[in-house]
PDB file of N, CA and C in Angstrom:
ATOM      1  N   UNK A   1     -26.644 -42.257  94.567  1.00  0.00           N
ATOM      2  CA  UNK A   1     -28.089 -42.231  93.796  1.00  0.00           C
ATOM      3  C   UNK A   1     -29.030 -40.993  93.761  1.00  0.00           C
ATOM      4  N   UNK A   2     -29.428 -40.806  92.743  1.00  0.00           N
ATOM      5  CA  UNK A   2     -30.241 -39.449  92.346  1.00  0.00           C
ATOM      6  C   UNK A   2     -31.513 -39.449  93.199  1.00  0.00           C
ATOM      7  N   UNK A   3     -32.013 -38.632  94.056  1.00  0.00           N
ATOM      8  CA  UNK A   3     -33.327 -38.718  94.231  1.00  0.00           C
ATOM      9  C   UNK A   3     -34.612 -38.310  93.986  1.00  0.00           C
ATOM     10  N   UNK A   4     -34.758 -37.527  92.611  1.00  0.00           N
ATOM     11  CA  UNK A   4     -35.956 -36.920  92.201  1.00  0.00           C
ATOM     12  C   UNK A   4     -34.973 -36.887  90.980  1.00  0.00           C
ATOM     13  N   UNK A   5     -36.279 -35.720  90.057  1.00  0.00           N
ATOM     14  CA  UNK A   5     -35.645 -35.744  88.589  1.00  0.00           C
ATOM     15  C   UNK A   5     -34.424 -34.744  88.040  1.00  0.00           C
ATOM     16  N   UNK A   6     -34.740 -33.642  89.132  1.00  0.00           N
ATOM     17  CA  UNK A   6     -33.901 -32.633  89.003  1.00  0.00           C
ATOM     18  C   UNK A   6     -32.107 -32.797  89.651  1.00  0.00           C
ATOM     19  N   UNK A   7     -32.494 -33.999  90.678  1.00  0.00           N
ATOM     20  CA  UNK A   7     -30.974 -34.357  90.787  1.00  0.00           C
ATOM     21  C   UNK A   7     -30.039 -35.255  89.285  1.00  0.00           C
ATOM     22  N   UNK A   8     -31.037 -35.960  88.768  1.00  0.00           N
ATOM     23  CA  UNK A   8     -30.831 -36.920  87.479  1.00  0.00           C
ATOM     24  C   UNK A   8     -30.338 -35.945  86.452  1.00  0.00           C
ATOM     25  N   UNK A   9     -31.320 -34.295  86.117  1.00  0.00           N
ATOM     26  CA  UNK A   9     -31.110 -33.644  85.092  1.00  0.00           C
ATOM     27  C   UNK A   9     -29.275 -32.962  85.388  1.00  0.00           C
ATOM     28  N   UNK A  10     -29.444 -32.626  86.787  1.00  0.00           N
ATOM     29  CA  UNK A  10     -28.136 -32.096  87.385  1.00  0.00           C
ATOM     30  C   UNK A  10     -27.194 -32.936  86.491  1.00  0.00           C
ATOM     31  N   UNK A  11     -26.911 -34.035  87.310  1.00  0.00           N
ATOM     32  CA  UNK A  11     -25.644 -35.071  87.242  1.00  0.00           C
ATOM     33  C   UNK A  11     -25.954 -35.066  85.766  1.00  0.00           C
ATOM     34  N   UNK A  12     -26.706 -35.455  84.851  1.00  0.00           N
ATOM     35  CA  UNK A  12     -26.729 -35.794  83.300  1.00  0.00           C
ATOM     36  C   UNK A  12     -25.837 -34.818  82.418  1.00  0.00           C
ATOM     37  N   UNK A  13     -26.396 -33.167  83.265  1.00  0.00           N
ATOM     38  CA  UNK A  13     -25.645 -32.396  82.279  1.00  0.00           C
ATOM     39  C   UNK A  13     -24.020 -32.138  82.629  1.00  0.00           C
ATOM     40  N   UNK A  14     -23.722 -32.801  83.984  1.00  0.00           N
ATOM     41  CA  UNK A  14     -22.254 -32.852  84.374  1.00  0.00           C
ATOM     42  C   UNK A  14     -21.501 -34.090  83.387  1.00  0.00           C
ATOM     43  N   UNK A  15     -22.503 -35.025  82.548  1.00  0.00           N
ATOM     44  CA  UNK A  15     -21.970 -36.061  82.029  1.00  0.00           C
ATOM     45  C   UNK A  15     -21.796 -35.761  80.898  1.00  0.00           C
ATOM     46  N   UNK A  16     -22.385 -34.931  80.402  1.00  0.00           N
ATOM     47  CA  UNK A  16     -22.238 -34.116  79.007  1.00  0.00           C
ATOM     48  C   UNK A  16     -20.947 -33.691  78.687  1.00  0.00           C
ATOM     49  N   UNK A  17     -20.716 -32.983  80.298  1.00  0.00           N
ATOM     50  CA  UNK A  17     -19.330 -32.201  80.418  1.00  0.00           C
ATOM     51  C   UNK A  17     -18.098 -32.963  80.334  1.00  0.00           C
ATOM     52  N   UNK A  18     -18.411 -33.898  80.785  1.00  0.00           N
ATOM     53  CA  UNK A  18     -17.031 -34.978  81.398  1.00  0.00           C
ATOM     54  C   UNK A  18     -17.350 -35.855  79.661  1.00  0.00           C
ATOM     55  N   UNK A  19     -17.796 -35.853  79.148  1.00  0.00           N
ATOM     56  CA  UNK A  19     -18.076 -36.168  77.161  1.00  0.00           C
ATOM     57  C   UNK A  19     -17.441 -35.688  76.598  1.00  0.00           C
ATOM     58  N   UNK A  20     -17.594 -34.667  76.821  1.00  0.00           N
ATOM     59  CA  UNK A  20     -17.229 -33.297  76.011  1.00  0.00           C
ATOM     60  C   UNK A  20     -15.621 -33.364  76.007  1.00  0.00           C
ATOM     61  N   UNK A  21     -15.337 -33.224  77.125  1.00  0.00           N
ATOM     62  CA  UNK A  21     -13.756 -32.792  77.625  1.00  0.00           C
ATOM     63  C   UNK A  21     -13.041 -34.484  77.554  1.00  0.00           C
ATOM     64  N   UNK A  22     -13.589 -35.752  77.664  1.00  0.00           N
ATOM     65  CA  UNK A  22     -12.888 -36.644  76.676  1.00  0.00           C
ATOM     66  C   UNK A  22     -12.826 -36.472  75.408  1.00  0.00           C
ATOM     67  N   UNK A  23     -13.927 -35.993  74.855  1.00  0.00           N
ATOM     68  CA  UNK A  23     -13.959 -36.345  73.385  1.00  0.00           C
ATOM     69  C   UNK A  23     -12.649 -35.419  73.114  1.00  0.00           C
ATOM     70  N   UNK A  24     -12.333 -34.097  73.774  1.00  0.00           N
ATOM     71  CA  UNK A  24     -11.595 -32.990  73.137  1.00  0.00           C
ATOM     72  C   UNK A  24     -10.183 -33.893  73.920  1.00  0.00           C
ATOM     73  N   UNK A  25     -10.141 -34.237  74.883  1.00  0.00           N
ATOM     74  CA  UNK A  25      -8.746 -34.890  75.027  1.00  0.00           C
ATOM     75  C   UNK A  25      -8.627 -35.855  74.188  1.00  0.00           C
ATOM     76  N   UNK A  26      -9.127 -36.609  73.306  1.00  0.00           N
ATOM     77  CA  UNK A  26      -8.933 -37.807  72.904  1.00  0.00           C
ATOM     78  C   UNK A  26      -8.744 -37.346  71.665  1.00  0.00           C
ATOM     79  N   UNK A  27      -8.975 -35.720  71.071  1.00  0.00           N
ATOM     80  CA  UNK A  27      -8.919 -35.175  69.931  1.00  0.00           C
ATOM     81  C   UNK A  27     -10.123 -36.242  68.762  1.00  0.00           C
ATOM     82  N   UNK A  28     -11.361 -36.312  69.231  1.00  0.00           N
ATOM     83  CA  UNK A  28     -12.105 -37.459  68.486  1.00  0.00           C
ATOM     84  C   UNK A  28     -13.357 -36.593  67.552  1.00  0.00           C
ATOM     85  N   UNK A  29     -13.254 -37.135  66.500  1.00  0.00           N
ATOM     86  CA  UNK A  29     -14.336 -36.267  65.655  1.00  0.00           C
ATOM     87  C   UNK A  29     -15.728 -36.692  66.019  1.00  0.00           C
ATOM     88  N   UNK A  30     -16.266 -37.560  67.202  1.00  0.00           N
ATOM     89  CA  UNK A  30     -17.552 -37.561  67.180  1.00  0.00           C
ATOM     90  C   UNK A  30     -17.638 -36.432  68.261  1.00  0.00           C
ATOM     91  N   UNK A  31     -19.312 -36.356  68.352  1.00  0.00           N
ATOM     92  CA  UNK A  31     -19.416 -35.526  68.858  1.00  0.00           C
ATOM     93  C   UNK A  31     -20.351 -35.821  70.225  1.00  0.00           C
ATOM     94  N   UNK A  32     -20.985 -35.018  71.042  1.00  0.00           N
ATOM     95  CA  UNK A  32     -21.489 -35.748  72.059  1.00  0.00           C
ATOM     96  C   UNK A  32     -22.584 -35.985  71.286  1.00  0.00           C
ATOM     97  N   UNK A  33     -23.737 -35.508  70.933  1.00  0.00           N
ATOM     98  CA  UNK A  33     -24.809 -36.264  69.684  1.00  0.00           C
ATOM     99  C   UNK A  33     -24.711 -37.317  69.486  1.00  0.00           C
ATOM    100  N   UNK A  34     -23.289 -37.666  69.131  1.00  0.00           N
ATOM    101  CA  UNK A  34     -22.770 -39.225  68.391  1.00  0.00           C
ATOM    102  C   UNK A  34     -22.926 -40.282  69.221  1.00  0.00           C
ATOM    103  N   UNK A  35     -22.315 -39.596  70.470  1.00  0.00           N
ATOM    104  CA  UNK A  35     -22.763 -41.042  71.788  1.00  0.00           C
ATOM    105  C   UNK A  35     -23.911 -41.052  71.801  1.00  0.00           C
ATOM    106  N   UNK A  36     -24.510 -39.566  72.199  1.00  0.00           N
ATOM    107  CA  UNK A  36     -26.383 -39.868  72.109  1.00  0.00           C
ATOM    108  C   UNK A  36     -27.027 -40.791  71.727  1.00  0.00           C
ATOM    109  N   UNK A  37     -26.656 -39.981  70.560  1.00  0.00           N
ATOM    110  CA  UNK A  37     -26.983 -41.181  69.410  1.00  0.00           C
ATOM    111  C   UNK A  37     -27.366 -42.777  69.407  1.00  0.00           C
ATOM    112  N   UNK A  38     -25.568 -43.191  69.580  1.00  0.00           N
ATOM    113  CA  UNK A  38     -25.601 -44.694  69.867  1.00  0.00           C
ATOM    114  C   UNK A  38     -25.691 -45.029  71.085  1.00  0.00           C
ATOM    115  N   UNK A  39     -26.046 -44.627  72.021  1.00  0.00           N
ATOM    116  CA  UNK A  39     -26.500 -44.907  73.140  1.00  0.00           C
ATOM    117  C   UNK A  39     -27.741 -44.867  73.075  1.00  0.00           C
ATOM    118  N   UNK A  40     -28.142 -44.370  72.997  1.00  0.00           N
ATOM    119  CA  UNK A  40     -29.962 -44.072  72.227  1.00  0.00           C
ATOM    120  C   UNK A  40     -30.375 -45.428  71.449  1.00  0.00           C
ATOM    121  N   UNK A  41     -29.503 -45.728  70.775  1.00  0.00           N
ATOM    122  CA  UNK A  41     -30.098 -46.666  69.243  1.00  0.00           C
ATOM    123  C   UNK A  41     -29.324 -48.250  69.947  1.00  0.00           C
ATOM    124  N   UNK A  42     -28.758 -48.345  70.994  1.00  0.00           N
ATOM    125  CA  UNK A  42     -28.230 -49.845  71.143  1.00  0.00           C
ATOM    126  C   UNK A  42     -28.701 -50.243  71.812  1.00  0.00           C
ATOM    127  N   UNK A  43     -28.977 -51.919  71.684  1.00  0.00           N
ATOM    128  CA  UNK A  43     -29.872 -52.604  72.288  1.00  0.00           C
ATOM    129  C   UNK A  43     -29.440 -53.049  73.817  1.00  0.00           C
ATOM    130  N   UNK A  44     -30.289 -52.690  74.930  1.00  0.00           N
ATOM    131  CA  UNK A  44     -29.836 -53.388  76.288  1.00  0.00           C
ATOM    132  C   UNK A  44     -29.287 -55.069  76.370  1.00  0.00           C
ATOM    133  N   UNK A  45     -29.327 -55.402  75.498  1.00  0.00           N
ATOM    134  CA  UNK A  45     -28.764 -57.427  74.924  1.00  0.00           C
ATOM    135  C   UNK A  45     -27.784 -57.226  74.654  1.00  0.00           C
ATOM    136  N   UNK A  46     -26.977 -55.976  73.885  1.00  0.00           N
ATOM    137  CA  UNK A  46     -25.355 -55.634  73.526  1.00  0.00           C
ATOM    138  C   UNK A  46     -25.008 -56.325  75.204  1.00  0.00           C
ATOM    139  N   UNK A  47     -23.728 -56.867  74.571  1.00  0.00           N
ATOM    140  CA  UNK A  47     -22.847 -57.077  76.175  1.00  0.00           C
ATOM    141  C   UNK A  47     -21.985 -55.740  76.031  1.00  0.00           C
ATOM    142  N   UNK A  48     -21.809 -56.071  77.710  1.00  0.00           N
ATOM    143  CA  UNK A  48     -20.924 -54.259  78.126  1.00  0.00           C
ATOM    144  C   UNK A  48     -20.002 -54.465  77.205  1.00  0.00           C
ATOM    145  N   UNK A  49     -18.830 -55.266  77.023  1.00  0.00           N
ATOM    146  CA  UNK A  49     -17.815 -55.299  76.524  1.00  0.00           C
ATOM    147  C   UNK A  49     -17.340 -54.948  74.960  1.00  0.00           C
ATOM    148  N   UNK A  50     -19.221 -55.520  74.285  1.00  0.00           N
ATOM    149  CA  UNK A  50     -18.850 -54.581  73.012  1.00  0.00           C
ATOM    150  C   UNK A  50     -19.348 -53.313  72.914  1.00  0.00           C
ATOM    151  N   UNK A  51     -20.208 -52.925  73.697  1.00  0.00           N
ATOM    152  CA  UNK A  51     -20.886 -51.634  73.970  1.00  0.00           C
ATOM    153  C   UNK A  51     -19.760 -50.773  74.438  1.00  0.00           C
ATOM    154  N   UNK A  52     -18.472 -51.275  75.454  1.00  0.00           N
ATOM    155  CA  UNK A  52     -17.970 -50.401  75.888  1.00  0.00           C
ATOM    156  C   UNK A  52     -16.483 -49.996  74.753  1.00  0.00           C
ATOM    157  N   UNK A  53     -16.175 -51.345  73.920  1.00  0.00           N
ATOM    158  CA  UNK A  53     -15.415 -50.936  72.953  1.00  0.00           C
ATOM    159  C   UNK A  53     -16.270 -50.281  71.624  1.00  0.00           C
ATOM    160  N   UNK A  54     -17.201 -50.574  71.383  1.00  0.00           N
ATOM    161  CA  UNK A  54     -17.873 -49.219  70.258  1.00  0.00           C
ATOM    162  C   UNK A  54     -17.526 -48.350  71.044  1.00  0.00           C
ATOM    163  N   UNK A  55     -18.100 -47.750  72.049  1.00  0.00           N
ATOM    164  CA  UNK A  55     -17.838 -46.426  72.909  1.00  0.00           C
ATOM    165  C   UNK A  55     -16.230 -45.544  72.636  1.00  0.00           C
ATOM    166  N   UNK A  56     -15.382 -46.672  72.914  1.00  0.00           N
ATOM    167  CA  UNK A  56     -14.344 -46.416  72.302  1.00  0.00           C
ATOM    168  C   UNK A  56     -13.307 -46.123  71.360  1.00  0.00           C
ATOM    169  N   UNK A  57     -14.396 -46.618  70.467  1.00  0.00           N
ATOM    170  CA  UNK A  57     -14.241 -46.281  69.085  1.00  0.00           C
ATOM    171  C   UNK A  57     -14.985 -44.958  68.827  1.00  0.00           C
ATOM    172  N   UNK A  58     -15.945 -44.718  69.332  1.00  0.00           N
ATOM    173  CA  UNK A  58     -16.230 -43.907  68.897  1.00  0.00           C
ATOM    174  C   UNK A  58     -15.917 -42.149  69.239  1.00  0.00           C
ATOM    175  N   UNK A  59     -15.113 -42.482  70.088  1.00  0.00           N
ATOM    176  CA  UNK A  59     -14.386 -41.452  71.243  1.00  0.00           C
ATOM    177  C   UNK A  59     -13.024 -41.020  70.211  1.00  0.00           C
ATOM    178  N   UNK A  60     -12.203 -42.115  69.614  1.00  0.00           N
ATOM    179  CA  UNK A  60     -11.349 -42.328  68.868  1.00  0.00           C
ATOM    180  C   UNK A  60      -9.869 -42.973  69.535  1.00  0.00           C
ATOM    181  N   UNK A  61     -10.966 -43.941  70.206  1.00  0.00           N
ATOM    182  CA  UNK A  61      -9.536 -44.447  71.121  1.00  0.00           C
ATOM    183  C   UNK A  61      -9.378 -46.140  70.510  1.00  0.00           C
ATOM    184  N   UNK A  62      -8.798 -46.354  69.302  1.00  0.00           N
ATOM    185  CA  UNK A  62      -8.763 -48.195  69.452  1.00  0.00           C
ATOM    186  C   UNK A  62      -8.055 -48.414  70.383  1.00  0.00           C
ATOM    187  N   UNK A  63      -8.857 -49.273  71.189  1.00  0.00           N
ATOM    188  CA  UNK A  63      -8.068 -50.024  72.416  1.00  0.00           C
ATOM    189  C   UNK A  63      -9.466 -50.816  72.916  1.00  0.00           C
ATOM    190  N   UNK A  64      -8.787 -51.886  73.386  1.00  0.00           N
ATOM    191  CA  UNK A  64      -9.854 -52.597  74.552  1.00  0.00           C
ATOM    192  C   UNK A  64     -10.161 -51.953  75.357  1.00  0.00           C
ATOM    193  N   UNK A  65     -11.247 -52.526  75.999  1.00  0.00           N
ATOM    194  CA  UNK A  65     -11.557 -51.995  77.276  1.00  0.00           C
ATOM    195  C   UNK A  65     -11.030 -52.169  78.832  1.00  0.00           C
ATOM    196  N   UNK A  66      -9.997 -53.260  78.548  1.00  0.00           N
ATOM    197  CA  UNK A  66      -8.711 -53.091  79.530  1.00  0.00           C
ATOM    198  C   UNK A  66      -7.572 -52.144  79.802  1.00  0.00           C
ATOM    199  N   UNK A  67      -7.451 -51.291  78.551  1.00  0.00           N
ATOM    200  CA  UNK A  67      -6.702 -49.950  78.511  1.00  0.00           C
ATOM    201  C   UNK A  67      -6.814 -49.093  78.825  1.00  0.00           C
ATOM    202  N   UNK A  68      -8.433 -48.865  78.589  1.00  0.00           N
ATOM    203  CA  UNK A  68      -9.482 -47.655  79.483  1.00  0.00           C
ATOM    204  C   UNK A  68      -8.611 -47.487  80.803  1.00  0.00           C
ATOM    205  N   UNK A  69      -8.334 -46.412  81.013  1.00  0.00           N
ATOM    206  CA  UNK A  69      -8.295 -45.855  82.793  1.00  0.00           C
ATOM    207  C   UNK A  69      -9.367 -45.725  83.460  1.00  0.00           C
ATOM    208  N   UNK A  70      -9.790 -45.756  84.954  1.00  0.00           N
ATOM    209  CA  UNK A  70     -10.983 -45.801  85.918  1.00  0.00           C
ATOM    210  C   UNK A  70     -11.827 -44.320  85.214  1.00  0.00           C
ATOM    211  N   UNK A  71     -10.930 -43.583  85.411  1.00  0.00           N
ATOM    212  CA  UNK A  71     -11.931 -42.273  84.681  1.00  0.00           C
ATOM    213  C   UNK A  71     -12.859 -42.383  84.053  1.00  0.00           C
ATOM    214  N   UNK A  72     -11.674 -42.692  82.847  1.00  0.00           N
ATOM    215  CA  UNK A  72     -12.121 -43.083  81.188  1.00  0.00           C
ATOM    216  C   UNK A  72     -13.545 -43.723  80.772  1.00  0.00           C
ATOM    217  N   UNK A  73     -13.285 -45.121  82.021  1.00  0.00           N
ATOM    218  CA  UNK A  73     -14.479 -46.306  81.982  1.00  0.00           C
ATOM    219  C   UNK A  73     -15.713 -45.387  82.656  1.00  0.00           C
ATOM    220  N   UNK A  74     -15.906 -44.440  83.659  1.00  0.00           N
ATOM    221  CA  UNK A  74     -16.855 -44.326  84.294  1.00  0.00           C
ATOM    222  C   UNK A  74     -17.689 -43.077  83.852  1.00  0.00           C
ATOM    223  N   UNK A  75     -17.057 -42.320  82.582  1.00  0.00           N
ATOM    224  CA  UNK A  75     -17.837 -41.273  81.525  1.00  0.00           C
ATOM    225  C   UNK A  75     -18.133 -42.376  80.747  1.00  0.00           C
ATOM    226  N   UNK A  76     -17.966 -43.416  80.142  1.00  0.00           N
ATOM    227  CA  UNK A  76     -18.616 -44.476  79.202  1.00  0.00           C
ATOM    228  C   UNK A  76     -20.266 -44.830  80.869  1.00  0.00           C
ATOM    229  N   UNK A  77     -19.371 -45.383  81.618  1.00  0.00           N
ATOM    230  CA  UNK A  77     -20.914 -45.585  82.252  1.00  0.00           C
ATOM    231  C   UNK A  77     -21.728 -44.945  82.941  1.00  0.00           C
ATOM    232  N   UNK A  78     -21.078 -43.741  83.204  1.00  0.00           N
ATOM    233  CA  UNK A  78     -22.457 -42.397  83.133  1.00  0.00           C
ATOM    234  C   UNK A  78     -23.537 -42.175  81.849  1.00  0.00           C
ATOM    235  N   UNK A  79     -22.440 -42.000  81.352  1.00  0.00           N
ATOM    236  CA  UNK A  79     -22.901 -42.359  80.015  1.00  0.00           C
ATOM    237  C   UNK A  79     -24.063 -43.061  80.095  1.00  0.00           C
ATOM    238  N   UNK A  80     -23.619 -44.011  79.796  1.00  0.00           N
ATOM    239  CA  UNK A  80     -25.060 -45.177  79.383  1.00  0.00           C
ATOM    240  C   UNK A  80     -26.293 -45.473  80.437  1.00  0.00           C
ATOM    241  N   UNK A  81     -26.098 -44.663  81.789  1.00  0.00           N
ATOM    242  CA  UNK A  81     -26.705 -44.659  83.393  1.00  0.00           C
ATOM    243  C   UNK A  81     -27.443 -43.666  82.987  1.00  0.00           C
ATOM    244  N   UNK A  82     -27.231 -42.164  82.452  1.00  0.00           N
ATOM    245  CA  UNK A  82     -28.326 -41.053  82.425  1.00  0.00           C
ATOM    246  C   UNK A  82     -28.435 -40.816  81.123  1.00  0.00           C
ATOM    247  N   UNK A  83     -28.210 -41.074  79.753  1.00  0.00           N
ATOM    248  CA  UNK A  83     -28.523 -40.862  78.295  1.00  0.00           C
ATOM    249  C   UNK A  83     -29.671 -41.459  77.913  1.00  0.00           C
ATOM    250  N   UNK A  84     -30.845 -41.095  77.813  1.00  0.00           N
ATOM    251  CA  UNK A  84     -31.939 -41.863  77.357  1.00  0.00           C
ATOM    252  C   UNK A  84     -31.691 -43.031  76.300  1.00  0.00           C
ATOM    253  N   UNK A  85     -32.590 -43.752  76.422  1.00  0.00           N
ATOM    254  CA  UNK A  85     -32.428 -45.377  75.555  1.00  0.00           C
ATOM    255  C   UNK A  85     -33.668 -45.197  74.983  1.00  0.00           C
ATOM    256  N   UNK A  86     -33.607 -46.055  73.572  1.00  0.00           N
ATOM    257  CA  UNK A  86     -34.823 -46.537  73.258  1.00  0.00           C
ATOM    258  C   UNK A  86     -35.599 -47.215  73.468  1.00  0.00           C
ATOM    259  N   UNK A  87     -35.086 -48.253  73.609  1.00  0.00           N
ATOM    260  CA  UNK A  87     -35.688 -49.670  74.570  1.00  0.00           C
ATOM    261  C   UNK A  87     -36.445 -48.829  75.809  1.00  0.00           C
ATOM    262  N   UNK A  88     -36.165 -48.401  76.413  1.00  0.00           N
ATOM    263  CA  UNK A  88     -36.081 -47.452  77.727  1.00  0.00           C
ATOM    264  C   UNK A  88     -37.860 -46.983  77.525  1.00  0.00           C
ATOM    265  N   UNK A  89     -38.097 -46.134  76.609  1.00  0.00           N
ATOM    266  CA  UNK A  89     -38.961 -45.563  75.561  1.00  0.00           C
ATOM    267  C   UNK A  89     -38.570 -44.088  75.903  1.00  0.00           C
ATOM    268  N   UNK A  90     -36.935 -43.846  75.710  1.00  0.00           N
ATOM    269  CA  UNK A  90     -36.458 -42.169  75.733  1.00  0.00           C
ATOM    270  C   UNK A  90     -36.396 -42.393  76.701  1.00  0.00           C
ATOM    271  N   UNK A  91     -36.369 -42.743  78.214  1.00  0.00           N
ATOM    272  CA  UNK A  91     -35.882 -42.821  79.648  1.00  0.00           C
ATOM    273  C   UNK A  91     -34.485 -43.197  79.532  1.00  0.00           C
ATOM    274  N   UNK A  92     -33.825 -42.278  80.587  1.00  0.00           N
ATOM    275  CA  UNK A  92     -32.555 -43.603  80.957  1.00  0.00           C
ATOM    276  C   UNK A  92     -32.270 -44.304  81.892  1.00  0.00           C
ATOM    277  N   UNK A  93     -31.705 -45.233  82.407  1.00  0.00           N
ATOM    278  CA  UNK A  93     -31.575 -46.288  83.343  1.00  0.00           C
ATOM    279  C   UNK A  93     -31.490 -45.802  84.498  1.00  0.00           C
ATOM    280  N   UNK A  94     -31.226 -44.992  84.738  1.00  0.00           N
ATOM    281  CA  UNK A  94     -31.305 -44.171  86.461  1.00  0.00           C
ATOM    282  C   UNK A  94     -32.714 -43.462  85.991  1.00  0.00           C
ATOM    283  N   UNK A  95     -33.481 -43.233  85.285  1.00  0.00           N
ATOM    284  CA  UNK A  95     -34.635 -42.621  85.444  1.00  0.00           C
ATOM    285  C   UNK A  95     -35.785 -43.752  85.571  1.00  0.00           C
ATOM    286  N   UNK A  96     -35.541 -44.568  85.113  1.00  0.00           N
ATOM    287  CA  UNK A  96     -35.884 -45.927  85.151  1.00  0.00           C
ATOM    288  C   UNK A  96     -35.713 -46.197  86.727  1.00  0.00           C
ATOM    289  N   UNK A  97     -34.774 -46.634  87.349  1.00  0.00           N
ATOM    290  CA  UNK A  97     -34.510 -47.336  88.124  1.00  0.00           C
ATOM    291  C   UNK A  97     -35.166 -46.250  89.389  1.00  0.00           C
ATOM    292  N   UNK A  98     -34.826 -44.565  89.285  1.00  0.00           N
ATOM    293  CA  UNK A  98     -35.949 -44.070  90.054  1.00  0.00           C
ATOM    294  C   UNK A  98     -37.543 -44.507  90.644  1.00  0.00           C
ATOM    295  N   UNK A  99     -37.737 -44.326  89.162  1.00  0.00           N
ATOM    296  CA  UNK A  99     -39.418 -44.602  88.840  1.00  0.00           C
ATOM    297  C   UNK A  99     -40.008 -46.485  89.741  1.00  0.00           C
ATOM    298  N   UNK A 100     -38.886 -47.580  89.795  1.00  0.00           N
ATOM    299  CA  UNK A 100     -38.949 -48.192  90.753  1.00  0.00           C
ATOM    300  C   UNK A 100     -38.742 -48.430  91.827  1.00  0.00           C
ATOM    301  N   UNK A 101     -37.994 -47.515  92.256  1.00  0.00           N
ATOM    302  CA  UNK A 101     -38.140 -47.466  94.382  1.00  0.00           C
ATOM    303  C   UNK A 101     -38.286 -46.573  94.575  1.00  0.00           C
TER     304      UNK A 101
END
């Protein structure tokens, strides 16, 4: 778990690289900005399986979450946790958690 804003920023940059690599691997038409926009505008009330399936669709994978490999699922999870959300006033869940601890 990151201990400060600088560590969050550094890890977020790594997450961006992993997202780009997965988009390229799957030959997706989506961009990093498309992924960030989806995460920013998705409600926290959305059931995890729904947003994971939506993310897979964005990445160009017509599959169910159970078909994802562990590493692919981790990319989705890290993107959700480290990219900003509208419902969190433009902060990521990781930033909010850090503020609370």
